[in-house]
Amino acid sequence: MYTYLEKELVIPSKNIIIIIDYIHLKKNCNTEFYANEIKNKKIINLAPKEEKSVIITDNEIYFTSYALSTLMSRSNEYLRISGGSNSNE
């Protein structure tokens, strides 16, 4: 399964570690987690000054202007159309 992020960028869903709302990333309880994640990952901001969601994968951190609910809806729509299951195969 693949997840469309933004600007014609599609990534394998199996590489996604977490999708989080951008506002939650900046909260104190997540600063240590974020600091550890950015040490060895490439940051790709697809929506400068319009960030709504953060997608952390094995090797990258993506910022997108789409809300978390939109990203989840797109994944579910892909599953419905393809007749696939909800696994990260």
N, C-alpha and C. Protein backbone atom coordinates (compact mmCIF):
# COMPACT_ATOMS: atom_id res chain seq x y z
N MET A 1 0.84 -1.17 0.00
CA MET A 1 0.00 0.00 0.00
C MET A 1 0.89 1.24 0.00
N TYR A 2 0.41 2.30 -0.60
CA TYR A 2 1.14 3.55 -0.69
C TYR A 2 0.29 4.68 -0.11
N THR A 3 0.96 5.72 0.34
CA THR A 3 0.28 6.88 0.88
C THR A 3 0.72 8.11 0.10
N TYR A 4 -0.26 8.83 -0.44
CA TYR A 4 0.01 10.08 -1.15
C TYR A 4 0.18 11.18 -0.11
N LEU A 5 1.30 11.91 -0.20
CA LEU A 5 1.55 12.97 0.77
C LEU A 5 1.17 14.34 0.22
N GLU A 6 1.83 14.73 -0.86
CA GLU A 6 1.61 16.06 -1.43
C GLU A 6 2.57 16.24 -2.60
N LYS A 7 2.23 17.14 -3.52
CA LYS A 7 3.11 17.48 -4.65
C LYS A 7 3.59 16.24 -5.40
N GLU A 8 2.67 15.37 -5.73
CA GLU A 8 2.97 14.16 -6.51
C GLU A 8 3.88 13.18 -5.79
N LEU A 9 4.03 13.30 -4.48
CA LEU A 9 4.89 12.40 -3.72
C LEU A 9 4.07 11.29 -3.08
N VAL A 10 4.44 10.07 -3.39
CA VAL A 10 3.80 8.88 -2.85
C VAL A 10 4.89 8.04 -2.19
N ILE A 11 4.61 7.54 -0.97
CA ILE A 11 5.59 6.72 -0.27
C ILE A 11 4.97 5.40 0.14
N PRO A 12 5.78 4.35 0.27
CA PRO A 12 5.24 3.07 0.75
C PRO A 12 4.76 3.20 2.19
N SER A 13 3.55 2.77 2.43
CA SER A 13 2.98 2.87 3.78
C SER A 13 3.77 2.05 4.79
N LYS A 14 4.40 0.97 4.34
CA LYS A 14 5.16 0.13 5.27
C LYS A 14 6.36 0.86 5.86
N ASN A 15 6.79 1.96 5.24
CA ASN A 15 7.93 2.73 5.76
C ASN A 15 7.52 3.74 6.82
N ILE A 16 6.23 3.98 6.97
CA ILE A 16 5.75 4.99 7.92
C ILE A 16 5.84 4.45 9.34
N ILE A 17 6.50 5.22 10.19
CA ILE A 17 6.60 4.88 11.61
C ILE A 17 5.44 5.51 12.36
N ILE A 18 5.18 6.79 12.07
CA ILE A 18 4.10 7.51 12.75
C ILE A 18 3.66 8.70 11.90
N ILE A 19 2.38 9.03 12.00
CA ILE A 19 1.84 10.27 11.45
C ILE A 19 1.26 11.03 12.63
N ILE A 20 1.67 12.27 12.78
CA ILE A 20 1.26 13.06 13.94
C ILE A 20 0.86 14.46 13.48
N ASP A 21 -0.09 15.05 14.19
CA ASP A 21 -0.45 16.44 13.92
C ASP A 21 0.75 17.33 14.24
N TYR A 22 0.99 18.29 13.39
CA TYR A 22 2.13 19.19 13.55
C TYR A 22 2.12 19.89 14.91
N ILE A 23 0.95 20.31 15.37
CA ILE A 23 0.87 21.03 16.65
C ILE A 23 1.31 20.15 17.81
N HIS A 24 1.10 18.84 17.71
CA HIS A 24 1.51 17.93 18.78
C HIS A 24 3.02 17.71 18.79
N LEU A 25 3.64 17.84 17.63
CA LEU A 25 5.09 17.66 17.55
C LEU A 25 5.82 18.71 18.37
N LYS A 26 5.26 19.88 18.46
CA LYS A 26 5.90 21.00 19.15
C LYS A 26 5.64 21.01 20.66
N LYS A 27 4.81 20.11 21.14
CA LYS A 27 4.53 20.06 22.58
C LYS A 27 5.74 19.52 23.34
N ASN A 28 5.88 19.96 24.58
CA ASN A 28 7.03 19.58 25.40
C ASN A 28 7.22 18.07 25.51
N CYS A 29 6.14 17.33 25.59
CA CYS A 29 6.26 15.88 25.76
C CYS A 29 6.85 15.19 24.53
N ASN A 30 6.88 15.86 23.39
CA ASN A 30 7.40 15.25 22.17
C ASN A 30 8.74 15.81 21.71
N THR A 31 9.26 16.82 22.39
CA THR A 31 10.49 17.45 21.91
C THR A 31 11.68 16.50 21.93
N GLU A 32 11.79 15.66 22.93
CA GLU A 32 12.90 14.71 22.98
C GLU A 32 12.78 13.68 21.85
N PHE A 33 11.57 13.19 21.63
CA PHE A 33 11.33 12.24 20.54
C PHE A 33 11.73 12.86 19.20
N TYR A 34 11.28 14.09 18.95
CA TYR A 34 11.58 14.76 17.68
C TYR A 34 13.08 15.01 17.54
N ALA A 35 13.72 15.44 18.61
CA ALA A 35 15.17 15.69 18.57
C ALA A 35 15.93 14.42 18.20
N ASN A 36 15.51 13.29 18.72
CA ASN A 36 16.16 12.02 18.38
C ASN A 36 15.89 11.61 16.93
N GLU A 37 14.70 11.87 16.45
CA GLU A 37 14.34 11.48 15.09
C GLU A 37 15.10 12.29 14.03
N ILE A 38 15.31 13.57 14.27
CA ILE A 38 15.94 14.41 13.24
C ILE A 38 17.45 14.20 13.13
N LYS A 39 18.04 13.50 14.06
CA LYS A 39 19.49 13.30 14.04
C LYS A 39 19.97 12.60 12.78
N ASN A 40 19.26 11.59 12.34
CA ASN A 40 19.72 10.77 11.21
C ASN A 40 18.73 10.69 10.06
N LYS A 41 17.80 11.62 10.01
CA LYS A 41 16.78 11.56 8.96
C LYS A 41 16.77 12.85 8.14
N LYS A 42 16.44 12.69 6.89
CA LYS A 42 16.31 13.83 5.99
C LYS A 42 14.95 14.49 6.22
N ILE A 43 14.94 15.80 6.33
CA ILE A 43 13.70 16.55 6.53
C ILE A 43 13.23 17.09 5.18
N ILE A 44 11.98 16.77 4.84
CA ILE A 44 11.39 17.21 3.59
C ILE A 44 10.12 17.97 3.91
N ASN A 45 10.16 19.28 3.76
CA ASN A 45 9.00 20.11 4.05
C ASN A 45 8.25 20.39 2.75
N LEU A 46 7.12 19.74 2.58
CA LEU A 46 6.30 19.89 1.39
C LEU A 46 5.33 21.06 1.48
N ALA A 47 5.28 21.71 2.64
CA ALA A 47 4.31 22.79 2.85
C ALA A 47 4.87 23.85 3.79
N PRO A 48 5.92 24.55 3.38
CA PRO A 48 6.49 25.57 4.26
C PRO A 48 5.43 26.57 4.74
N LYS A 49 5.40 26.80 6.02
CA LYS A 49 4.49 27.73 6.70
C LYS A 49 3.02 27.29 6.66
N GLU A 50 2.76 26.08 6.19
CA GLU A 50 1.39 25.55 6.14
C GLU A 50 1.32 24.13 6.71
N GLU A 51 2.27 23.76 7.54
CA GLU A 51 2.36 22.40 8.06
C GLU A 51 1.16 22.04 8.93
N LYS A 52 0.58 20.87 8.63
CA LYS A 52 -0.52 20.35 9.45
C LYS A 52 -0.21 18.97 9.99
N SER A 53 0.54 18.18 9.21
CA SER A 53 0.88 16.82 9.63
C SER A 53 2.36 16.55 9.43
N VAL A 54 2.87 15.63 10.24
CA VAL A 54 4.25 15.19 10.14
C VAL A 54 4.24 13.68 9.96
N ILE A 55 4.93 13.22 8.92
CA ILE A 55 5.02 11.80 8.63
C ILE A 55 6.47 11.39 8.85
N ILE A 56 6.69 10.51 9.79
CA ILE A 56 8.05 10.04 10.08
C ILE A 56 8.19 8.64 9.53
N THR A 57 9.19 8.47 8.66
CA THR A 57 9.46 7.17 8.06
C THR A 57 10.82 6.66 8.54
N ASP A 58 11.25 5.57 7.96
CA ASP A 58 12.54 4.99 8.33
C ASP A 58 13.70 5.96 8.11
N ASN A 59 13.63 6.75 7.02
CA ASN A 59 14.76 7.60 6.65
C ASN A 59 14.45 9.08 6.50
N GLU A 60 13.16 9.45 6.48
CA GLU A 60 12.78 10.84 6.25
C GLU A 60 11.72 11.30 7.25
N ILE A 61 11.63 12.63 7.35
CA ILE A 61 10.54 13.28 8.08
C ILE A 61 9.89 14.24 7.09
N TYR A 62 8.61 14.02 6.81
CA TYR A 62 7.87 14.84 5.86
C TYR A 62 6.90 15.76 6.61
N PHE A 63 6.83 17.00 6.16
CA PHE A 63 5.83 17.94 6.65
C PHE A 63 4.88 18.19 5.49
N THR A 64 3.58 18.08 5.75
CA THR A 64 2.58 18.25 4.70
C THR A 64 1.47 19.19 5.17
N SER A 65 0.78 19.78 4.21
CA SER A 65 -0.31 20.70 4.54
C SER A 65 -1.63 19.97 4.75
N TYR A 66 -1.65 18.66 4.54
CA TYR A 66 -2.87 17.89 4.73
C TYR A 66 -3.04 17.49 6.19
N ALA A 67 -4.26 17.52 6.64
CA ALA A 67 -4.57 17.11 8.02
C ALA A 67 -4.42 15.60 8.15
N LEU A 68 -4.18 15.17 9.35
CA LEU A 68 -4.05 13.74 9.64
C LEU A 68 -5.27 12.97 9.15
N SER A 69 -6.45 13.52 9.38
CA SER A 69 -7.68 12.84 8.96
C SER A 69 -7.74 12.68 7.43
N THR A 70 -7.23 13.65 6.69
CA THR A 70 -7.20 13.56 5.23
C THR A 70 -6.26 12.46 4.78
N LEU A 71 -5.08 12.39 5.38
CA LEU A 71 -4.13 11.33 5.02
C LEU A 71 -4.70 9.94 5.30
N MET A 72 -5.37 9.79 6.44
CA MET A 72 -5.97 8.51 6.79
C MET A 72 -7.11 8.16 5.83
N SER A 73 -7.90 9.16 5.47
CA SER A 73 -9.01 8.95 4.55
C SER A 73 -8.49 8.48 3.19
N ARG A 74 -7.40 9.07 2.72
CA ARG A 74 -6.82 8.68 1.44
C ARG A 74 -6.32 7.24 1.48
N SER A 75 -5.71 6.86 2.57
CA SER A 75 -5.24 5.48 2.71
C SER A 75 -6.42 4.51 2.68
N ASN A 76 -7.48 4.86 3.39
CA ASN A 76 -8.68 4.01 3.42
C ASN A 76 -9.35 3.95 2.05
N GLU A 77 -9.35 5.06 1.32
CA GLU A 77 -9.94 5.09 -0.02
C GLU A 77 -9.15 4.20 -0.96
N TYR A 78 -7.83 4.24 -0.85
CA TYR A 78 -6.99 3.36 -1.67
C TYR A 78 -7.33 1.90 -1.39
N LEU A 79 -7.49 1.56 -0.12
CA LEU A 79 -7.84 0.18 0.25
C LEU A 79 -9.18 -0.22 -0.34
N ARG A 80 -10.15 0.69 -0.27
CA ARG A 80 -11.48 0.39 -0.79
C ARG A 80 -11.44 0.14 -2.29
N ILE A 81 -10.72 0.99 -3.02
CA ILE A 81 -10.65 0.87 -4.48
C ILE A 81 -9.88 -0.38 -4.89
N SER A 82 -8.77 -0.62 -4.22
CA SER A 82 -7.90 -1.74 -4.61
C SER A 82 -8.40 -3.08 -4.08
N GLY A 83 -9.33 -3.04 -3.13
CA GLY A 83 -9.82 -4.28 -2.54
C GLY A 83 -8.81 -4.90 -1.60
N GLY A 84 -7.85 -4.09 -1.15
CA GLY A 84 -6.79 -4.57 -0.28
C GLY A 84 -7.21 -4.65 1.16
N SER A 85 -6.29 -5.12 1.96
CA SER A 85 -6.52 -5.19 3.40
C SER A 85 -5.86 -4.01 4.07
N ASN A 86 -6.06 -3.88 5.35
CA ASN A 86 -5.51 -2.75 6.10
C ASN A 86 -4.16 -3.11 6.72
N SER A 87 -3.35 -3.89 6.01
CA SER A 87 -2.02 -4.25 6.52
C SER A 87 -0.96 -3.49 5.75
N ASN A 88 0.23 -3.44 6.31
CA ASN A 88 1.35 -2.74 5.67
C ASN A 88 2.23 -3.73 4.93
N GLU A 89 1.67 -4.47 4.03
CA GLU A 89 2.43 -5.47 3.28
C GLU A 89 3.26 -4.82 2.22
